[in-house]
């Protein structure tokens, strides 16, 4: 038995880094599913499309549900980025930062949209 049993070399770091980048391909799918889930919450309690007067608490629940759906790939990206960083891969955090910016942009876009609807009706 060698002394390197259980160690992951440079190949493992590169593999984890590659998987972190490949996990970003899940974001377009999660964005579509998040929009469907976000629209499904008001519809499930009786508000049809085109109704601007959705109560704030329903809109907040829809935002939380949609954000949770959108953030699912972020867990995978975080796992592989953390693994690649622990193994010494340079630039391992870049995919996680990009995924985080996608989620933050989604939240910001929805908050601004909700604020504009609340202010201007």
N, C-alpha and C. Protein backbone atom coordinates (compact mmCIF):
# COMPACT_ATOMS: atom_id res chain seq x y z
N UNK A 1 0.83 -1.16 0.00
CA UNK A 1 0.00 0.00 0.00
C UNK A 1 0.89 1.24 0.00
N UNK A 2 0.55 2.20 -0.83
CA UNK A 2 1.38 3.39 -0.93
C UNK A 2 0.93 4.46 0.07
N UNK A 3 1.77 5.45 0.22
CA UNK A 3 1.46 6.53 1.15
C UNK A 3 0.41 7.48 0.59
N UNK A 4 0.12 7.37 -0.70
CA UNK A 4 -0.82 8.29 -1.32
C UNK A 4 -2.24 7.73 -1.41
N UNK A 5 -2.52 6.71 -0.68
CA UNK A 5 -3.86 6.15 -0.69
C UNK A 5 -4.85 7.17 -0.13
N UNK A 6 -5.93 7.40 -0.87
CA UNK A 6 -6.94 8.34 -0.42
C UNK A 6 -6.69 9.77 -0.85
N UNK A 7 -5.53 10.08 -1.41
CA UNK A 7 -5.25 11.43 -1.87
C UNK A 7 -5.69 11.60 -3.30
N UNK A 8 -6.14 12.77 -3.60
CA UNK A 8 -6.53 13.10 -4.96
C UNK A 8 -5.50 14.06 -5.50
N UNK A 9 -4.92 13.75 -6.63
CA UNK A 9 -3.87 14.58 -7.20
C UNK A 9 -4.41 15.72 -8.03
N UNK A 10 -3.55 16.24 -8.89
CA UNK A 10 -3.91 17.38 -9.74
C UNK A 10 -5.06 17.02 -10.67
N UNK A 11 -5.15 15.77 -11.06
CA UNK A 11 -6.26 15.35 -11.92
C UNK A 11 -7.60 15.51 -11.23
N UNK A 12 -7.65 15.26 -9.94
CA UNK A 12 -8.88 15.43 -9.18
C UNK A 12 -9.28 16.88 -9.07
N UNK A 13 -8.31 17.76 -8.91
CA UNK A 13 -8.59 19.20 -8.83
C UNK A 13 -9.12 19.71 -10.16
N UNK A 14 -8.49 19.27 -11.23
CA UNK A 14 -8.93 19.69 -12.56
C UNK A 14 -10.33 19.14 -12.86
N UNK A 15 -10.60 17.91 -12.45
CA UNK A 15 -11.90 17.30 -12.68
C UNK A 15 -12.99 18.05 -11.91
N UNK A 16 -12.73 18.37 -10.65
CA UNK A 16 -13.70 19.11 -9.84
C UNK A 16 -13.94 20.50 -10.43
N UNK A 17 -12.87 21.14 -10.90
CA UNK A 17 -12.98 22.46 -11.52
C UNK A 17 -13.83 22.38 -12.79
N UNK A 18 -13.61 21.34 -13.59
CA UNK A 18 -14.41 21.15 -14.80
C UNK A 18 -15.88 20.92 -14.47
N UNK A 19 -16.14 20.11 -13.45
CA UNK A 19 -17.53 19.86 -13.06
C UNK A 19 -18.18 21.14 -12.53
N UNK A 20 -17.42 21.98 -11.85
CA UNK A 20 -17.96 23.26 -11.38
C UNK A 20 -18.39 24.11 -12.57
N UNK A 21 -17.57 24.15 -13.61
CA UNK A 21 -17.94 24.91 -14.81
C UNK A 21 -19.12 24.27 -15.53
N UNK A 22 -19.12 22.96 -15.65
CA UNK A 22 -20.23 22.27 -16.33
C UNK A 22 -21.54 22.41 -15.57
N UNK A 23 -21.48 22.59 -14.26
CA UNK A 23 -22.71 22.74 -13.49
C UNK A 23 -23.44 24.04 -13.84
N UNK A 24 -22.72 25.00 -14.42
CA UNK A 24 -23.36 26.27 -14.81
C UNK A 24 -24.37 26.07 -15.95
N UNK A 25 -24.25 24.96 -16.66
CA UNK A 25 -25.18 24.70 -17.76
C UNK A 25 -26.60 24.42 -17.23
N UNK A 26 -26.72 24.14 -15.96
CA UNK A 26 -28.03 23.88 -15.36
C UNK A 26 -28.83 25.16 -15.12
N UNK A 27 -28.18 26.32 -15.12
CA UNK A 27 -28.87 27.57 -14.80
C UNK A 27 -29.96 27.95 -15.79
N UNK A 28 -29.77 27.83 -17.11
CA UNK A 28 -30.89 28.16 -18.00
C UNK A 28 -32.13 27.32 -17.73
N UNK A 29 -31.94 26.05 -17.42
CA UNK A 29 -33.08 25.18 -17.12
C UNK A 29 -33.72 25.60 -15.79
N UNK A 30 -32.90 25.90 -14.80
CA UNK A 30 -33.46 26.28 -13.50
C UNK A 30 -34.15 27.64 -13.57
N UNK A 31 -33.71 28.53 -14.45
CA UNK A 31 -34.38 29.82 -14.62
C UNK A 31 -35.80 29.60 -15.16
N UNK A 32 -35.92 28.76 -16.16
CA UNK A 32 -37.24 28.47 -16.74
C UNK A 32 -38.14 27.83 -15.69
N UNK A 33 -37.63 26.85 -14.96
CA UNK A 33 -38.43 26.18 -13.94
C UNK A 33 -38.77 27.14 -12.80
N UNK A 34 -37.85 28.05 -12.47
CA UNK A 34 -38.12 29.03 -11.41
C UNK A 34 -39.25 29.98 -11.82
N UNK A 35 -39.25 30.41 -13.08
CA UNK A 35 -40.34 31.27 -13.53
C UNK A 35 -41.68 30.53 -13.50
N UNK A 36 -41.67 29.27 -13.91
CA UNK A 36 -42.90 28.47 -13.86
C UNK A 36 -43.36 28.31 -12.41
N UNK A 37 -42.44 28.01 -11.50
CA UNK A 37 -42.80 27.85 -10.08
C UNK A 37 -43.28 29.17 -9.49
N UNK A 38 -42.62 30.27 -9.85
CA UNK A 38 -43.02 31.57 -9.34
C UNK A 38 -44.40 32.00 -9.81
N UNK A 39 -44.74 31.64 -11.04
CA UNK A 39 -46.08 31.94 -11.55
C UNK A 39 -47.11 30.96 -11.01
N UNK A 40 -46.66 29.78 -10.65
CA UNK A 40 -47.58 28.76 -10.15
C UNK A 40 -48.12 29.04 -8.77
N UNK A 41 -47.35 29.74 -7.95
CA UNK A 41 -47.81 30.04 -6.59
C UNK A 41 -49.06 30.92 -6.61
N UNK A 42 -49.06 32.07 -7.30
CA UNK A 42 -50.30 32.85 -7.33
C UNK A 42 -51.45 32.11 -8.03
N UNK A 43 -51.13 31.36 -9.06
CA UNK A 43 -52.17 30.61 -9.77
C UNK A 43 -52.80 29.54 -8.88
N UNK A 44 -51.99 28.97 -8.01
CA UNK A 44 -52.52 27.91 -7.14
C UNK A 44 -53.47 28.43 -6.07
N UNK A 45 -53.42 29.72 -5.79
CA UNK A 45 -54.35 30.29 -4.80
C UNK A 45 -55.42 31.15 -5.45
N UNK A 46 -55.55 31.04 -6.78
CA UNK A 46 -56.67 31.66 -7.46
C UNK A 46 -56.41 32.94 -8.22
N UNK A 47 -55.18 33.40 -8.29
CA UNK A 47 -54.88 34.61 -9.06
C UNK A 47 -54.44 34.21 -10.45
N UNK A 48 -55.19 34.67 -11.45
CA UNK A 48 -54.88 34.29 -12.83
C UNK A 48 -53.81 35.21 -13.40
N UNK A 49 -53.31 34.84 -14.58
CA UNK A 49 -52.32 35.67 -15.26
C UNK A 49 -52.92 37.03 -15.58
N UNK A 50 -52.12 38.05 -15.49
CA UNK A 50 -52.56 39.39 -15.83
C UNK A 50 -53.14 40.17 -14.67
N UNK A 51 -53.29 39.54 -13.52
CA UNK A 51 -53.80 40.25 -12.36
C UNK A 51 -52.61 40.88 -11.64
N UNK A 52 -52.59 42.21 -11.61
CA UNK A 52 -51.47 42.91 -10.97
C UNK A 52 -51.66 43.05 -9.47
N UNK A 53 -52.87 42.85 -8.97
CA UNK A 53 -53.17 43.07 -7.56
C UNK A 53 -52.99 41.81 -6.73
N UNK A 54 -51.86 41.18 -6.84
CA UNK A 54 -51.55 40.02 -6.01
C UNK A 54 -51.08 40.53 -4.66
N UNK A 55 -51.59 40.02 -3.55
CA UNK A 55 -51.14 40.48 -2.24
C UNK A 55 -49.63 40.28 -2.07
N UNK A 56 -49.03 41.15 -1.30
CA UNK A 56 -47.58 41.13 -1.15
C UNK A 56 -47.08 39.81 -0.59
N UNK A 57 -47.85 39.19 0.30
CA UNK A 57 -47.38 37.95 0.92
C UNK A 57 -47.38 36.80 -0.07
N UNK A 58 -48.28 36.81 -1.02
CA UNK A 58 -48.26 35.78 -2.07
C UNK A 58 -47.07 36.01 -2.98
N UNK A 59 -46.81 37.28 -3.31
CA UNK A 59 -45.64 37.60 -4.13
C UNK A 59 -44.34 37.22 -3.41
N UNK A 60 -44.30 37.41 -2.10
CA UNK A 60 -43.10 37.04 -1.34
C UNK A 60 -42.90 35.52 -1.33
N UNK A 61 -43.98 34.78 -1.16
CA UNK A 61 -43.88 33.32 -1.20
C UNK A 61 -43.42 32.86 -2.58
N UNK A 62 -43.97 33.47 -3.62
CA UNK A 62 -43.57 33.12 -4.99
C UNK A 62 -42.09 33.40 -5.21
N UNK A 63 -41.59 34.52 -4.67
CA UNK A 63 -40.17 34.86 -4.82
C UNK A 63 -39.30 33.84 -4.10
N UNK A 64 -39.70 33.43 -2.90
CA UNK A 64 -38.92 32.45 -2.14
C UNK A 64 -38.89 31.10 -2.87
N UNK A 65 -40.05 30.68 -3.37
CA UNK A 65 -40.11 29.40 -4.10
C UNK A 65 -39.26 29.46 -5.36
N UNK A 66 -39.40 30.52 -6.13
CA UNK A 66 -38.63 30.66 -7.37
C UNK A 66 -37.14 30.74 -7.09
N UNK A 67 -36.75 31.45 -6.05
CA UNK A 67 -35.33 31.56 -5.69
C UNK A 67 -34.77 30.22 -5.25
N UNK A 68 -35.55 29.47 -4.49
CA UNK A 68 -35.10 28.14 -4.06
C UNK A 68 -34.87 27.22 -5.26
N UNK A 69 -35.78 27.29 -6.23
CA UNK A 69 -35.62 26.46 -7.43
C UNK A 69 -34.39 26.91 -8.22
N UNK A 70 -34.23 28.22 -8.36
CA UNK A 70 -33.10 28.74 -9.13
C UNK A 70 -31.77 28.44 -8.45
N UNK A 71 -31.74 28.43 -7.13
CA UNK A 71 -30.50 28.24 -6.40
C UNK A 71 -30.05 26.78 -6.31
N UNK A 72 -30.85 25.85 -6.74
CA UNK A 72 -30.47 24.43 -6.66
C UNK A 72 -29.14 24.14 -7.37
N UNK A 73 -28.92 24.62 -8.60
CA UNK A 73 -27.62 24.36 -9.22
C UNK A 73 -26.46 25.02 -8.48
N UNK A 74 -26.75 26.07 -7.71
CA UNK A 74 -25.70 26.74 -6.95
C UNK A 74 -25.09 25.81 -5.91
N UNK A 75 -25.89 24.91 -5.38
CA UNK A 75 -25.37 23.93 -4.42
C UNK A 75 -24.34 23.01 -5.09
N UNK A 76 -24.65 22.58 -6.29
CA UNK A 76 -23.73 21.72 -7.03
C UNK A 76 -22.45 22.49 -7.41
N UNK A 77 -22.63 23.71 -7.87
CA UNK A 77 -21.48 24.54 -8.23
C UNK A 77 -20.61 24.79 -7.01
N UNK A 78 -21.23 25.07 -5.87
CA UNK A 78 -20.48 25.31 -4.64
C UNK A 78 -19.70 24.08 -4.22
N UNK A 79 -20.32 22.92 -4.33
CA UNK A 79 -19.65 21.67 -3.96
C UNK A 79 -18.37 21.46 -4.77
N UNK A 80 -18.50 21.56 -6.08
CA UNK A 80 -17.33 21.31 -6.93
C UNK A 80 -16.31 22.43 -6.86
N UNK A 81 -16.74 23.67 -6.70
CA UNK A 81 -15.79 24.78 -6.55
C UNK A 81 -15.00 24.63 -5.26
N UNK A 82 -15.69 24.29 -4.18
CA UNK A 82 -15.02 24.10 -2.89
C UNK A 82 -14.02 22.94 -2.97
N UNK A 83 -14.43 21.87 -3.63
CA UNK A 83 -13.54 20.71 -3.77
C UNK A 83 -12.30 21.07 -4.59
N UNK A 84 -12.50 21.78 -5.69
CA UNK A 84 -11.37 22.18 -6.53
C UNK A 84 -10.45 23.14 -5.79
N UNK A 85 -11.03 24.06 -5.01
CA UNK A 85 -10.20 25.00 -4.24
C UNK A 85 -9.40 24.28 -3.17
N UNK A 86 -10.02 23.30 -2.53
CA UNK A 86 -9.32 22.53 -1.49
C UNK A 86 -8.16 21.74 -2.07
N UNK A 87 -8.28 21.36 -3.33
CA UNK A 87 -7.22 20.60 -3.99
C UNK A 87 -6.21 21.50 -4.68
N UNK A 88 -6.38 22.82 -4.53
CA UNK A 88 -5.38 23.76 -5.04
C UNK A 88 -5.56 24.22 -6.47
N UNK A 89 -6.73 24.07 -7.03
CA UNK A 89 -6.98 24.50 -8.42
C UNK A 89 -7.11 26.02 -8.48
N UNK A 90 -6.28 26.69 -9.28
CA UNK A 90 -6.44 28.14 -9.41
C UNK A 90 -7.76 28.49 -10.11
N UNK A 91 -8.39 29.55 -9.66
CA UNK A 91 -9.65 29.98 -10.27
C UNK A 91 -10.83 29.10 -9.94
N UNK A 92 -10.73 28.35 -8.87
CA UNK A 92 -11.80 27.41 -8.53
C UNK A 92 -13.08 28.11 -8.12
N UNK A 93 -12.99 29.34 -7.62
CA UNK A 93 -14.17 30.04 -7.12
C UNK A 93 -14.92 30.79 -8.22
N UNK A 94 -14.35 30.91 -9.40
CA UNK A 94 -14.98 31.69 -10.47
C UNK A 94 -16.36 31.14 -10.86
N UNK A 95 -16.54 29.84 -11.06
CA UNK A 95 -17.88 29.34 -11.39
C UNK A 95 -18.90 29.63 -10.28
N UNK A 96 -18.47 29.56 -9.03
CA UNK A 96 -19.38 29.84 -7.92
C UNK A 96 -19.77 31.31 -7.91
N UNK A 97 -18.84 32.19 -8.20
CA UNK A 97 -19.14 33.62 -8.26
C UNK A 97 -20.13 33.90 -9.38
N UNK A 98 -19.94 33.29 -10.52
CA UNK A 98 -20.86 33.48 -11.65
C UNK A 98 -22.25 32.97 -11.30
N UNK A 99 -22.33 31.79 -10.71
CA UNK A 99 -23.63 31.26 -10.29
C UNK A 99 -24.29 32.13 -9.24
N UNK A 100 -23.52 32.63 -8.30
CA UNK A 100 -24.06 33.53 -7.28
C UNK A 100 -24.58 34.82 -7.88
N UNK A 101 -23.88 35.33 -8.90
CA UNK A 101 -24.35 36.55 -9.57
C UNK A 101 -25.65 36.30 -10.33
N UNK A 102 -25.79 35.12 -10.90
CA UNK A 102 -27.05 34.78 -11.60
C UNK A 102 -28.21 34.78 -10.60
N UNK A 103 -28.01 34.14 -9.46
CA UNK A 103 -29.07 34.08 -8.44
C UNK A 103 -29.35 35.48 -7.89
N UNK A 104 -28.30 36.25 -7.59
CA UNK A 104 -28.49 37.60 -7.07
C UNK A 104 -29.20 38.49 -8.09
N UNK A 105 -28.85 38.36 -9.36
CA UNK A 105 -29.52 39.13 -10.40
C UNK A 105 -31.00 38.78 -10.52
N UNK A 106 -31.30 37.51 -10.37
CA UNK A 106 -32.71 37.06 -10.41
C UNK A 106 -33.49 37.67 -9.26
N UNK A 107 -32.92 37.64 -8.06
CA UNK A 107 -33.60 38.21 -6.89
C UNK A 107 -33.78 39.71 -7.07
N UNK A 108 -32.72 40.40 -7.49
CA UNK A 108 -32.79 41.84 -7.68
C UNK A 108 -33.83 42.22 -8.73
N UNK A 109 -33.84 41.48 -9.84
CA UNK A 109 -34.80 41.75 -10.90
C UNK A 109 -36.24 41.60 -10.39
N UNK A 110 -36.49 40.57 -9.60
CA UNK A 110 -37.83 40.34 -9.07
C UNK A 110 -38.22 41.37 -8.01
N UNK A 111 -37.27 41.78 -7.18
CA UNK A 111 -37.57 42.81 -6.18
C UNK A 111 -37.86 44.15 -6.82
N UNK A 112 -37.07 44.52 -7.83
CA UNK A 112 -37.31 45.79 -8.54
C UNK A 112 -38.65 45.74 -9.27
N UNK A 113 -38.93 44.62 -9.90
CA UNK A 113 -40.20 44.46 -10.60
C UNK A 113 -41.38 44.57 -9.63
N UNK A 114 -41.29 43.91 -8.50
CA UNK A 114 -42.34 43.98 -7.49
C UNK A 114 -42.51 45.39 -6.94
N UNK A 115 -41.39 46.09 -6.73
CA UNK A 115 -41.47 47.46 -6.23
C UNK A 115 -42.12 48.38 -7.25
N UNK A 116 -41.77 48.20 -8.52
CA UNK A 116 -42.39 49.03 -9.57
C UNK A 116 -43.89 48.78 -9.68
N UNK A 117 -44.30 47.52 -9.55
CA UNK A 117 -45.73 47.20 -9.60
C UNK A 117 -46.42 47.81 -8.37
N UNK A 118 -45.78 47.76 -7.20
CA UNK A 118 -46.39 48.33 -6.00
C UNK A 118 -46.51 49.84 -6.08
N UNK A 119 -45.54 50.49 -6.68
CA UNK A 119 -45.54 51.94 -6.75
C UNK A 119 -46.47 52.45 -7.85
N UNK A 120 -46.36 51.86 -9.03
CA UNK A 120 -47.10 52.36 -10.18
C UNK A 120 -48.37 51.58 -10.52
N UNK A 121 -48.60 50.51 -9.78
CA UNK A 121 -49.82 49.73 -9.99
C UNK A 121 -49.75 49.00 -11.25
